[in-house]
PDB file of all heavy atoms in Angstrom:
ATOM      1  N   ARG A   1     -36.925  45.709   6.320  1.00  0.00           N
ATOM      2  CA  ARG A   1     -37.631  46.060   5.104  1.00  0.00           C
ATOM      3  C   ARG A   1     -36.650  46.125   3.951  1.00  0.00           C
ATOM      4  O   ARG A   1     -35.704  46.912   3.973  1.00  0.00           O
ATOM      5  CB  ARG A   1     -38.366  47.398   5.225  1.00  0.00           C
ATOM      6  CG  ARG A   1     -39.279  47.669   4.020  1.00  0.00           C
ATOM      7  CD  ARG A   1     -40.015  48.984   4.110  1.00  0.00           C
ATOM      8  NE  ARG A   1     -39.127  50.117   3.883  1.00  0.00           N
ATOM      9  CZ  ARG A   1     -39.543  51.348   3.593  1.00  0.00           C
ATOM     10  NH1 ARG A   1     -40.848  51.600   3.512  1.00  0.00           N
ATOM     11  NH2 ARG A   1     -38.669  52.325   3.424  1.00  0.00           N
ATOM     12  N   LEU A   2     -36.895  45.301   2.950  1.00  0.00           N
ATOM     13  CA  LEU A   2     -36.079  45.293   1.756  1.00  0.00           C
ATOM     14  C   LEU A   2     -36.685  46.199   0.696  1.00  0.00           C
ATOM     15  O   LEU A   2     -37.904  46.341   0.612  1.00  0.00           O
ATOM     16  CB  LEU A   2     -35.959  43.873   1.192  1.00  0.00           C
ATOM     17  CG  LEU A   2     -35.502  42.777   2.157  1.00  0.00           C
ATOM     18  CD1 LEU A   2     -35.375  41.452   1.403  1.00  0.00           C
ATOM     19  CD2 LEU A   2     -34.190  43.154   2.825  1.00  0.00           C
ATOM     20  N   SER A   3     -35.829  46.792  -0.108  1.00  0.00           N
ATOM     21  CA  SER A   3     -36.278  47.644  -1.200  1.00  0.00           C
ATOM     22  C   SER A   3     -35.683  47.152  -2.509  1.00  0.00           C
ATOM     23  O   SER A   3     -34.562  46.634  -2.538  1.00  0.00           O
ATOM     24  CB  SER A   3     -35.855  49.099  -0.973  1.00  0.00           C
ATOM     25  OG  SER A   3     -36.429  49.624   0.200  1.00  0.00           O
ATOM     26  N   CYS A   4     -36.423  47.328  -3.582  1.00  0.00           N
ATOM     27  CA  CYS A   4     -35.941  47.000  -4.917  1.00  0.00           C
ATOM     28  C   CYS A   4     -36.302  48.146  -5.841  1.00  0.00           C
ATOM     29  O   CYS A   4     -37.481  48.381  -6.112  1.00  0.00           O
ATOM     30  CB  CYS A   4     -36.557  45.698  -5.422  1.00  0.00           C
ATOM     31  SG  CYS A   4     -36.158  45.313  -7.147  1.00  0.00           S
ATOM     32  N   ALA A   5     -35.295  48.851  -6.306  1.00  0.00           N
ATOM     33  CA  ALA A   5     -35.495  49.963  -7.223  1.00  0.00           C
ATOM     34  C   ALA A   5     -35.247  49.499  -8.653  1.00  0.00           C
ATOM     35  O   ALA A   5     -34.184  48.948  -8.954  1.00  0.00           O
ATOM     36  CB  ALA A   5     -34.560  51.115  -6.873  1.00  0.00           C
ATOM     37  N   ALA A   6     -36.228  49.719  -9.516  1.00  0.00           N
ATOM     38  CA  ALA A   6     -36.140  49.285 -10.903  1.00  0.00           C
ATOM     39  C   ALA A   6     -35.947  50.478 -11.823  1.00  0.00           C
ATOM     40  O   ALA A   6     -36.524  51.540 -11.619  1.00  0.00           O
ATOM     41  CB  ALA A   6     -37.399  48.526 -11.303  1.00  0.00           C
ATOM     42  N   SER A   7     -35.146  50.283 -12.852  1.00  0.00           N
ATOM     43  CA  SER A   7     -34.944  51.311 -13.858  1.00  0.00           C
ATOM     44  C   SER A   7     -34.933  50.669 -15.235  1.00  0.00           C
ATOM     45  O   SER A   7     -34.548  49.507 -15.389  1.00  0.00           O
ATOM     46  CB  SER A   7     -33.636  52.078 -13.618  1.00  0.00           C
ATOM     47  OG  SER A   7     -32.516  51.211 -13.706  1.00  0.00           O
ATOM     48  N   GLY A   8     -35.364  51.416 -16.232  1.00  0.00           N
ATOM     49  CA  GLY A   8     -35.370  50.923 -17.596  1.00  0.00           C
ATOM     50  C   GLY A   8     -36.411  49.865 -17.884  1.00  0.00           C
ATOM     51  O   GLY A   8     -36.318  49.163 -18.893  1.00  0.00           O
ATOM     52  N   PHE A   9     -37.413  49.737 -17.010  1.00  0.00           N
ATOM     53  CA  PHE A   9     -38.444  48.717 -17.146  1.00  0.00           C
ATOM     54  C   PHE A   9     -39.725  49.398 -17.612  1.00  0.00           C
ATOM     55  O   PHE A   9     -40.452  49.973 -16.803  1.00  0.00           O
ATOM     56  CB  PHE A   9     -38.645  47.997 -15.825  1.00  0.00           C
ATOM     57  CG  PHE A   9     -39.408  46.712 -15.918  1.00  0.00           C
ATOM     58  CD1 PHE A   9     -39.162  45.804 -16.924  1.00  0.00           C
ATOM     59  CD2 PHE A   9     -40.371  46.404 -14.970  1.00  0.00           C
ATOM     60  CE1 PHE A   9     -39.855  44.610 -17.006  1.00  0.00           C
ATOM     61  CE2 PHE A   9     -41.071  45.210 -15.034  1.00  0.00           C
ATOM     62  CZ  PHE A   9     -40.816  44.311 -16.056  1.00  0.00           C
ATOM     63  N   THR A  10     -40.011  49.312 -18.902  1.00  0.00           N
ATOM     64  CA  THR A  10     -41.081  50.100 -19.505  1.00  0.00           C
ATOM     65  C   THR A  10     -42.295  49.285 -19.952  1.00  0.00           C
ATOM     66  O   THR A  10     -43.157  49.824 -20.639  1.00  0.00           O
ATOM     67  CB  THR A  10     -40.543  50.881 -20.716  1.00  0.00           C
ATOM     68  OG1 THR A  10     -40.025  49.971 -21.688  1.00  0.00           O
ATOM     69  CG2 THR A  10     -39.448  51.846 -20.285  1.00  0.00           C
ATOM     70  N   TYR A  11     -42.384  48.042 -19.571  1.00  0.00           N
ATOM     71  CA  TYR A  11     -43.543  47.220 -19.945  1.00  0.00           C
ATOM     72  C   TYR A  11     -44.818  47.825 -19.380  1.00  0.00           C
ATOM     73  O   TYR A  11     -44.862  48.263 -18.222  1.00  0.00           O
ATOM     74  CB  TYR A  11     -43.390  45.791 -19.423  1.00  0.00           C
ATOM     75  CG  TYR A  11     -42.268  45.013 -20.061  1.00  0.00           C
ATOM     76  CD1 TYR A  11     -40.997  45.021 -19.496  1.00  0.00           C
ATOM     77  CD2 TYR A  11     -42.480  44.272 -21.211  1.00  0.00           C
ATOM     78  CE1 TYR A  11     -39.966  44.307 -20.076  1.00  0.00           C
ATOM     79  CE2 TYR A  11     -41.446  43.555 -21.790  1.00  0.00           C
ATOM     80  CZ  TYR A  11     -40.196  43.573 -21.220  1.00  0.00           C
ATOM     81  OH  TYR A  11     -39.170  42.859 -21.797  1.00  0.00           O
ATOM     82  N   SER A  12     -45.879  47.819 -20.185  1.00  0.00           N
ATOM     83  CA  SER A  12     -47.156  48.341 -19.726  1.00  0.00           C
ATOM     84  C   SER A  12     -47.820  47.399 -18.732  1.00  0.00           C
ATOM     85  O   SER A  12     -48.617  47.830 -17.894  1.00  0.00           O
ATOM     86  CB  SER A  12     -48.088  48.586 -20.909  1.00  0.00           C
ATOM     87  OG  SER A  12     -48.310  47.392 -21.638  1.00  0.00           O
ATOM     88  N   SER A  13     -47.510  46.127 -18.831  1.00  0.00           N
ATOM     89  CA  SER A  13     -48.004  45.119 -17.900  1.00  0.00           C
ATOM     90  C   SER A  13     -46.796  44.409 -17.308  1.00  0.00           C
ATOM     91  O   SER A  13     -45.988  43.855 -18.050  1.00  0.00           O
ATOM     92  CB  SER A  13     -48.917  44.117 -18.612  1.00  0.00           C
ATOM     93  OG  SER A  13     -49.347  43.096 -17.743  1.00  0.00           O
ATOM     94  N   LYS A  14     -46.680  44.400 -15.992  1.00  0.00           N
ATOM     95  CA  LYS A  14     -45.482  43.842 -15.383  1.00  0.00           C
ATOM     96  C   LYS A  14     -45.748  43.264 -14.003  1.00  0.00           C
ATOM     97  O   LYS A  14     -46.679  43.656 -13.311  1.00  0.00           O
ATOM     98  CB  LYS A  14     -44.391  44.909 -15.275  1.00  0.00           C
ATOM     99  CG  LYS A  14     -44.816  46.158 -14.521  1.00  0.00           C
ATOM    100  CD  LYS A  14     -43.744  47.232 -14.611  1.00  0.00           C
ATOM    101  CE  LYS A  14     -44.166  48.506 -13.892  1.00  0.00           C
ATOM    102  NZ  LYS A  14     -45.305  49.156 -14.585  1.00  0.00           N
ATOM    103  N   SER A  15     -44.891  42.329 -13.635  1.00  0.00           N
ATOM    104  CA  SER A  15     -44.929  41.715 -12.322  1.00  0.00           C
ATOM    105  C   SER A  15     -43.547  41.809 -11.698  1.00  0.00           C
ATOM    106  O   SER A  15     -42.534  41.791 -12.395  1.00  0.00           O
ATOM    107  CB  SER A  15     -45.349  40.246 -12.421  1.00  0.00           C
ATOM    108  OG  SER A  15     -46.649  40.119 -12.960  1.00  0.00           O
ATOM    109  N   MET A  16     -43.522  41.898 -10.388  1.00  0.00           N
ATOM    110  CA  MET A  16     -42.262  41.913  -9.672  1.00  0.00           C
ATOM    111  C   MET A  16     -42.356  40.957  -8.497  1.00  0.00           C
ATOM    112  O   MET A  16     -43.447  40.703  -7.984  1.00  0.00           O
ATOM    113  CB  MET A  16     -41.914  43.327  -9.202  1.00  0.00           C
ATOM    114  CG  MET A  16     -41.769  44.310 -10.354  1.00  0.00           C
ATOM    115  SD  MET A  16     -41.126  45.927  -9.859  1.00  0.00           S
ATOM    116  CE  MET A  16     -39.406  45.494  -9.525  1.00  0.00           C
ATOM    117  N   ALA A  17     -41.214  40.439  -8.090  1.00  0.00           N
ATOM    118  CA  ALA A  17     -41.228  39.401  -7.072  1.00  0.00           C
ATOM    119  C   ALA A  17     -39.961  39.417  -6.236  1.00  0.00           C
ATOM    120  O   ALA A  17     -38.936  39.990  -6.625  1.00  0.00           O
ATOM    121  CB  ALA A  17     -41.392  38.025  -7.728  1.00  0.00           C
ATOM    122  N   TRP A  18     -40.059  38.773  -5.095  1.00  0.00           N
ATOM    123  CA  TRP A  18     -38.916  38.505  -4.237  1.00  0.00           C
ATOM    124  C   TRP A  18     -38.708  37.002  -4.151  1.00  0.00           C
ATOM    125  O   TRP A  18     -39.653  36.253  -3.894  1.00  0.00           O
ATOM    126  CB  TRP A  18     -39.112  39.070  -2.831  1.00  0.00           C
ATOM    127  CG  TRP A  18     -39.033  40.560  -2.766  1.00  0.00           C
ATOM    128  CD1 TRP A  18     -40.063  41.445  -2.793  1.00  0.00           C
ATOM    129  CD2 TRP A  18     -37.844  41.343  -2.649  1.00  0.00           C
ATOM    130  NE1 TRP A  18     -39.598  42.728  -2.708  1.00  0.00           N
ATOM    131  CE2 TRP A  18     -38.232  42.701  -2.616  1.00  0.00           C
ATOM    132  CE3 TRP A  18     -36.488  41.030  -2.567  1.00  0.00           C
ATOM    133  CZ2 TRP A  18     -37.316  43.739  -2.514  1.00  0.00           C
ATOM    134  CZ3 TRP A  18     -35.569  42.063  -2.463  1.00  0.00           C
ATOM    135  CH2 TRP A  18     -35.987  43.398  -2.436  1.00  0.00           C
ATOM    136  N   PHE A  19     -37.484  36.584  -4.373  1.00  0.00           N
ATOM    137  CA  PHE A  19     -37.062  35.207  -4.189  1.00  0.00           C
ATOM    138  C   PHE A  19     -35.969  35.174  -3.134  1.00  0.00           C
ATOM    139  O   PHE A  19     -35.366  36.199  -2.817  1.00  0.00           O
ATOM    140  CB  PHE A  19     -36.530  34.616  -5.495  1.00  0.00           C
ATOM    141  CG  PHE A  19     -37.581  34.334  -6.529  1.00  0.00           C
ATOM    142  CD1 PHE A  19     -38.144  35.353  -7.277  1.00  0.00           C
ATOM    143  CD2 PHE A  19     -38.004  33.032  -6.763  1.00  0.00           C
ATOM    144  CE1 PHE A  19     -39.109  35.103  -8.237  1.00  0.00           C
ATOM    145  CE2 PHE A  19     -38.966  32.758  -7.728  1.00  0.00           C
ATOM    146  CZ  PHE A  19     -39.519  33.795  -8.454  1.00  0.00           C
ATOM    147  N   ARG A  20     -35.696  34.004  -2.607  1.00  0.00           N
ATOM    148  CA  ARG A  20     -34.592  33.863  -1.677  1.00  0.00           C
ATOM    149  C   ARG A  20     -33.896  32.531  -1.894  1.00  0.00           C
ATOM    150  O   ARG A  20     -34.490  31.566  -2.367  1.00  0.00           O
ATOM    151  CB  ARG A  20     -35.054  33.988  -0.223  1.00  0.00           C
ATOM    152  CG  ARG A  20     -35.980  32.876   0.259  1.00  0.00           C
ATOM    153  CD  ARG A  20     -36.473  33.178   1.662  1.00  0.00           C
ATOM    154  NE  ARG A  20     -37.357  32.136   2.177  1.00  0.00           N
ATOM    155  CZ  ARG A  20     -38.013  32.222   3.321  1.00  0.00           C
ATOM    156  NH1 ARG A  20     -37.901  33.304   4.085  1.00  0.00           N
ATOM    157  NH2 ARG A  20     -38.796  31.227   3.717  1.00  0.00           N
ATOM    158  N   GLN A  21     -32.636  32.505  -1.530  1.00  0.00           N
ATOM    159  CA  GLN A  21     -31.853  31.292  -1.683  1.00  0.00           C
ATOM    160  C   GLN A  21     -30.873  31.171  -0.525  1.00  0.00           C
ATOM    161  O   GLN A  21     -30.000  32.016  -0.348  1.00  0.00           O
ATOM    162  CB  GLN A  21     -31.103  31.289  -3.014  1.00  0.00           C
ATOM    163  CG  GLN A  21     -30.392  29.986  -3.314  1.00  0.00           C
ATOM    164  CD  GLN A  21     -29.941  29.886  -4.759  1.00  0.00           C
ATOM    165  OE1 GLN A  21     -29.751  30.902  -5.429  1.00  0.00           O
ATOM    166  NE2 GLN A  21     -29.775  28.674  -5.245  1.00  0.00           N
ATOM    167  N   ALA A  22     -31.050  30.121   0.246  1.00  0.00           N
ATOM    168  CA  ALA A  22     -30.150  29.817   1.340  1.00  0.00           C
ATOM    169  C   ALA A  22     -29.054  28.879   0.848  1.00  0.00           C
ATOM    170  O   ALA A  22     -29.230  28.197  -0.172  1.00  0.00           O
ATOM    171  CB  ALA A  22     -30.919  29.176   2.497  1.00  0.00           C
ATOM    172  N   PRO A  23     -27.934  28.832   1.554  1.00  0.00           N
ATOM    173  CA  PRO A  23     -26.863  27.924   1.137  1.00  0.00           C
ATOM    174  C   PRO A  23     -27.364  26.498   1.001  1.00  0.00           C
ATOM    175  O   PRO A  23     -28.110  26.004   1.857  1.00  0.00           O
ATOM    176  CB  PRO A  23     -25.848  28.055   2.267  1.00  0.00           C
ATOM    177  CG  PRO A  23     -26.066  29.435   2.810  1.00  0.00           C
ATOM    178  CD  PRO A  23     -27.554  29.640   2.725  1.00  0.00           C
ATOM    179  N   TRP A  24     -26.992  25.853  -0.075  1.00  0.00           N
ATOM    180  CA  TRP A  24     -27.338  24.461  -0.344  1.00  0.00           C
ATOM    181  C   TRP A  24     -28.826  24.248  -0.582  1.00  0.00           C
ATOM    182  O   TRP A  24     -29.324  23.119  -0.527  1.00  0.00           O
ATOM    183  CB  TRP A  24     -26.857  23.547   0.791  1.00  0.00           C
ATOM    184  CG  TRP A  24     -25.440  23.797   1.184  1.00  0.00           C
ATOM    185  CD1 TRP A  24     -24.996  24.378   2.322  1.00  0.00           C
ATOM    186  CD2 TRP A  24     -24.279  23.501   0.402  1.00  0.00           C
ATOM    187  NE1 TRP A  24     -23.639  24.459   2.330  1.00  0.00           N
ATOM    188  CE2 TRP A  24     -23.161  23.925   1.148  1.00  0.00           C
ATOM    189  CE3 TRP A  24     -24.062  22.922  -0.841  1.00  0.00           C
ATOM    190  CZ2 TRP A  24     -21.860  23.797   0.695  1.00  0.00           C
ATOM    191  CZ3 TRP A  24     -22.761  22.795  -1.303  1.00  0.00           C
ATOM    192  CH2 TRP A  24     -21.694  23.227  -0.531  1.00  0.00           C
ATOM    193  N   LYS A  25     -29.550  25.318  -0.858  1.00  0.00           N
ATOM    194  CA  LYS A  25     -30.972  25.224  -1.147  1.00  0.00           C
ATOM    195  C   LYS A  25     -31.265  25.825  -2.520  1.00  0.00           C
ATOM    196  O   LYS A  25     -30.504  26.644  -3.023  1.00  0.00           O
ATOM    197  CB  LYS A  25     -31.802  25.965  -0.095  1.00  0.00           C
ATOM    198  CG  LYS A  25     -31.609  25.489   1.325  1.00  0.00           C
ATOM    199  CD  LYS A  25     -32.237  24.125   1.542  1.00  0.00           C
ATOM    200  CE  LYS A  25     -32.173  23.733   3.010  1.00  0.00           C
ATOM    201  NZ  LYS A  25     -32.821  22.416   3.253  1.00  0.00           N
ATOM    202  N   GLU A  26     -32.377  25.416  -3.103  1.00  0.00           N
ATOM    203  CA  GLU A  26     -32.783  25.989  -4.373  1.00  0.00           C
ATOM    204  C   GLU A  26     -33.439  27.349  -4.146  1.00  0.00           C
ATOM    205  O   GLU A  26     -33.952  27.629  -3.057  1.00  0.00           O
ATOM    206  CB  GLU A  26     -33.747  25.060  -5.114  1.00  0.00           C
ATOM    207  CG  GLU A  26     -35.087  24.883  -4.435  1.00  0.00           C
ATOM    208  CD  GLU A  26     -35.985  23.920  -5.182  1.00  0.00           C
ATOM    209  OE1 GLU A  26     -35.486  22.845  -5.578  1.00  0.00           O
ATOM    210  OE2 GLU A  26     -37.164  24.229  -5.385  1.00  0.00           O
ATOM    211  N   ARG A  27     -33.411  28.179  -5.166  1.00  0.00           N
ATOM    212  CA  ARG A  27     -34.051  29.476  -5.067  1.00  0.00           C
ATOM    213  C   ARG A  27     -35.569  29.302  -5.022  1.00  0.00           C
ATOM    214  O   ARG A  27     -36.147  28.574  -5.830  1.00  0.00           O
ATOM    215  CB  ARG A  27     -33.653  30.345  -6.262  1.00  0.00           C
ATOM    216  CG  ARG A  27     -34.061  31.805  -6.131  1.00  0.00           C
ATOM    217  CD  ARG A  27     -33.384  32.669  -7.200  1.00  0.00           C
ATOM    218  NE  ARG A  27     -31.934  32.651  -7.068  1.00  0.00           N
ATOM    219  CZ  ARG A  27     -31.107  33.405  -7.779  1.00  0.00           C
ATOM    220  NH1 ARG A  27     -31.592  34.255  -8.679  1.00  0.00           N
ATOM    221  NH2 ARG A  27     -29.797  33.304  -7.592  1.00  0.00           N
ATOM    222  N   GLU A  28     -36.210  29.965  -4.075  1.00  0.00           N
ATOM    223  CA  GLU A  28     -37.646  29.812  -3.902  1.00  0.00           C
ATOM    224  C   GLU A  28     -38.349  31.163  -3.900  1.00  0.00           C
ATOM    225  O   GLU A  28     -37.805  32.169  -3.448  1.00  0.00           O
ATOM    226  CB  GLU A  28     -37.957  29.068  -2.601  1.00  0.00           C
ATOM    227  CG  GLU A  28     -37.497  29.786  -1.350  1.00  0.00           C
ATOM    228  CD  GLU A  28     -37.825  29.030  -0.085  1.00  0.00           C
ATOM    229  OE1 GLU A  28     -38.299  27.878  -0.172  1.00  0.00           O
ATOM    230  OE2 GLU A  28     -37.614  29.580   1.015  1.00  0.00           O
ATOM    231  N   GLY A  29     -39.583  31.157  -4.402  1.00  0.00           N
ATOM    232  CA  GLY A  29     -40.374  32.366  -4.426  1.00  0.00           C
ATOM    233  C   GLY A  29     -40.883  32.721  -3.041  1.00  0.00           C
ATOM    234  O   GLY A  29     -41.339  31.853  -2.301  1.00  0.00           O
ATOM    235  N   VAL A  30     -40.817  33.982  -2.692  1.00  0.00           N
ATOM    236  CA  VAL A  30     -41.269  34.481  -1.401  1.00  0.00           C
ATOM    237  C   VAL A  30     -42.579  35.243  -1.536  1.00  0.00           C
ATOM    238  O   VAL A  30     -43.557  34.962  -0.847  1.00  0.00           O
ATOM    239  CB  VAL A  30     -40.202  35.384  -0.755  1.00  0.00           C
ATOM    240  CG1 VAL A  30     -40.718  35.974   0.555  1.00  0.00           C
ATOM    241  CG2 VAL A  30     -38.914  34.596  -0.528  1.00  0.00           C
ATOM    242  N   ALA A  31     -42.585  36.228  -2.416  1.00  0.00           N
ATOM    243  CA  ALA A  31     -43.765  37.060  -2.623  1.00  0.00           C
ATOM    244  C   ALA A  31     -43.685  37.707  -3.989  1.00  0.00           C
ATOM    245  O   ALA A  31     -42.592  37.923  -4.518  1.00  0.00           O
ATOM    246  CB  ALA A  31     -43.877  38.130  -1.537  1.00  0.00           C
ATOM    247  N   SER A  32     -44.832  38.027  -4.560  1.00  0.00           N
ATOM    248  CA  SER A  32     -44.857  38.672  -5.864  1.00  0.00           C
ATOM    249  C   SER A  32     -46.052  39.597  -5.967  1.00  0.00           C
ATOM    250  O   SER A  32     -47.013  39.486  -5.194  1.00  0.00           O
ATOM    251  CB  SER A  32     -44.878  37.644  -6.998  1.00  0.00           C
ATOM    252  OG  SER A  32     -46.061  36.864  -6.950  1.00  0.00           O
ATOM    253  N   ILE A  33     -45.986  40.495  -6.930  1.00  0.00           N
ATOM    254  CA  ILE A  33     -47.069  41.445  -7.150  1.00  0.00           C
ATOM    255  C   ILE A  33     -47.239  41.702  -8.639  1.00  0.00           C
ATOM    256  O   ILE A  33     -46.255  41.825  -9.372  1.00  0.00           O
ATOM    257  CB  ILE A  33     -46.804  42.771  -6.386  1.00  0.00           C
ATOM    258  CG1 ILE A  33     -47.994  43.722  -6.519  1.00  0.00           C
ATOM    259  CG2 ILE A  33     -45.521  43.442  -6.880  1.00  0.00           C
ATOM    260  CD1 ILE A  33     -47.920  44.915  -5.573  1.00  0.00           C
ATOM    261  N   TYR A  34     -48.490  41.731  -9.063  1.00  0.00           N
ATOM    262  CA  TYR A  34     -48.806  42.199 -10.408  1.00  0.00           C
ATOM    263  C   TYR A  34     -48.995  43.706 -10.268  1.00  0.00           C
ATOM    264  O   TYR A  34     -49.993  44.164  -9.710  1.00  0.00           O
ATOM    265  CB  TYR A  34     -50.055  41.528 -10.952  1.00  0.00           C
ATOM    266  CG  TYR A  34     -50.479  42.033 -12.309  1.00  0.00           C
ATOM    267  CD1 TYR A  34     -49.555  42.161 -13.344  1.00  0.00           C
ATOM    268  CD2 TYR A  34     -51.801  42.386 -12.565  1.00  0.00           C
ATOM    269  CE1 TYR A  34     -49.937  42.637 -14.590  1.00  0.00           C
ATOM    270  CE2 TYR A  34     -52.190  42.851 -13.810  1.00  0.00           C
ATOM    271  CZ  TYR A  34     -51.252  42.974 -14.819  1.00  0.00           C
ATOM    272  OH  TYR A  34     -51.635  43.442 -16.060  1.00  0.00           O
ATOM    273  N   SER A  35     -48.036  44.457 -10.762  1.00  0.00           N
ATOM    274  CA  SER A  35     -47.980  45.886 -10.490  1.00  0.00           C
ATOM    275  C   SER A  35     -49.196  46.659 -10.987  1.00  0.00           C
ATOM    276  O   SER A  35     -49.583  47.652 -10.380  1.00  0.00           O
ATOM    277  CB  SER A  35     -46.715  46.477 -11.103  1.00  0.00           C
ATOM    278  OG  SER A  35     -45.556  45.956 -10.488  1.00  0.00           O
ATOM    279  N   ASN A  36     -49.802  46.219 -12.078  1.00  0.00           N
ATOM    280  CA  ASN A  36     -50.921  46.947 -12.655  1.00  0.00           C
ATOM    281  C   ASN A  36     -52.159  46.948 -11.762  1.00  0.00           C
ATOM    282  O   ASN A  36     -52.897  47.931 -11.725  1.00  0.00           O
ATOM    283  CB  ASN A  36     -51.286  46.383 -14.025  1.00  0.00           C
ATOM    284  CG  ASN A  36     -50.141  46.449 -15.011  1.00  0.00           C
ATOM    285  OD1 ASN A  36     -49.078  45.861 -14.798  1.00  0.00           O
ATOM    286  ND2 ASN A  36     -50.346  47.166 -16.103  1.00  0.00           N
ATOM    287  N   SER A  37     -52.372  45.866 -11.050  1.00  0.00           N
ATOM    288  CA  SER A  37     -53.556  45.739 -10.208  1.00  0.00           C
ATOM    289  C   SER A  37     -53.248  45.779  -8.720  1.00  0.00           C
ATOM    290  O   SER A  37     -54.141  46.034  -7.905  1.00  0.00           O
ATOM    291  CB  SER A  37     -54.303  44.443 -10.522  1.00  0.00           C
ATOM    292  OG  SER A  37     -53.540  43.310 -10.137  1.00  0.00           O
ATOM    293  N   GLY A  38     -52.006  45.478  -8.349  1.00  0.00           N
ATOM    294  CA  GLY A  38     -51.641  45.397  -6.952  1.00  0.00           C
ATOM    295  C   GLY A  38     -51.888  44.037  -6.334  1.00  0.00           C
ATOM    296  O   GLY A  38     -51.698  43.864  -5.123  1.00  0.00           O
ATOM    297  N   HIS A  39     -52.322  43.078  -7.136  1.00  0.00           N
ATOM    298  CA  HIS A  39     -52.553  41.733  -6.628  1.00  0.00           C
ATOM    299  C   HIS A  39     -51.245  41.112  -6.152  1.00  0.00           C
ATOM    300  O   HIS A  39     -50.237  41.169  -6.855  1.00  0.00           O
ATOM    301  CB  HIS A  39     -53.171  40.853  -7.713  1.00  0.00           C
ATOM    302  CG  HIS A  39     -53.354  39.430  -7.303  1.00  0.00           C
ATOM    303  ND1 HIS A  39     -54.390  39.026  -6.489  1.00  0.00           N
ATOM    304  CD2 HIS A  39     -52.631  38.316  -7.581  1.00  0.00           C
ATOM    305  CE1 HIS A  39     -54.299  37.729  -6.285  1.00  0.00           C
ATOM    306  NE2 HIS A  39     -53.242  37.274  -6.937  1.00  0.00           N
ATOM    307  N   THR A  40     -51.261  40.520  -4.970  1.00  0.00           N
ATOM    308  CA  THR A  40     -50.057  39.944  -4.382  1.00  0.00           C
ATOM    309  C   THR A  40     -50.196  38.458  -4.128  1.00  0.00           C
ATOM    310  O   THR A  40     -51.299  37.927  -3.996  1.00  0.00           O
ATOM    311  CB  THR A  40     -49.702  40.632  -3.054  1.00  0.00           C
ATOM    312  OG1 THR A  40     -50.836  40.588  -2.178  1.00  0.00           O
ATOM    313  CG2 THR A  40     -49.301  42.078  -3.281  1.00  0.00           C
ATOM    314  N   TYR A  41     -49.066  37.804  -4.070  1.00  0.00           N
ATOM    315  CA  TYR A  41     -48.981  36.387  -3.747  1.00  0.00           C
ATOM    316  C   TYR A  41     -47.891  36.205  -2.701  1.00  0.00           C
ATOM    317  O   TYR A  41     -46.844  36.848  -2.762  1.00  0.00           O
ATOM    318  CB  TYR A  41     -48.642  35.564  -5.000  1.00  0.00           C
ATOM    319  CG  TYR A  41     -48.106  34.193  -4.683  1.00  0.00           C
ATOM    320  CD1 TYR A  41     -48.968  33.130  -4.436  1.00  0.00           C
ATOM    321  CD2 TYR A  41     -46.736  33.963  -4.612  1.00  0.00           C
ATOM    322  CE1 TYR A  41     -48.481  31.876  -4.126  1.00  0.00           C
ATOM    323  CE2 TYR A  41     -46.239  32.705  -4.298  1.00  0.00           C
ATOM    324  CZ  TYR A  41     -47.112  31.664  -4.055  1.00  0.00           C
ATOM    325  OH  TYR A  41     -46.630  30.421  -3.747  1.00  0.00           O
ATOM    326  N   TYR A  42     -48.137  35.296  -1.746  1.00  0.00           N
ATOM    327  CA  TYR A  42     -47.149  34.989  -0.725  1.00  0.00           C
ATOM    328  C   TYR A  42     -46.983  33.492  -0.583  1.00  0.00           C
ATOM    329  O   TYR A  42     -47.961  32.739  -0.601  1.00  0.00           O
ATOM    330  CB  TYR A  42     -47.562  35.552   0.632  1.00  0.00           C
ATOM    331  CG  TYR A  42     -47.670  37.053   0.655  1.00  0.00           C
ATOM    332  CD1 TYR A  42     -48.889  37.691   0.440  1.00  0.00           C
ATOM    333  CD2 TYR A  42     -46.550  37.847   0.894  1.00  0.00           C
ATOM    334  CE1 TYR A  42     -48.984  39.066   0.455  1.00  0.00           C
ATOM    335  CE2 TYR A  42     -46.638  39.225   0.915  1.00  0.00           C
ATOM    336  CZ  TYR A  42     -47.858  39.828   0.692  1.00  0.00           C
ATOM    337  OH  TYR A  42     -47.956  41.200   0.714  1.00  0.00           O
TER     338      TYR A  42
END
């Protein structure tokens, strides 16, 4: 289980996401969430 603690982020509408990058590969999206509604993408 990975954790991401955010500070100083005061937007009333915001999204957060996890990306990953393996050696010799481009960075790719893993999962994201629109924090205001809880809607997720995988």
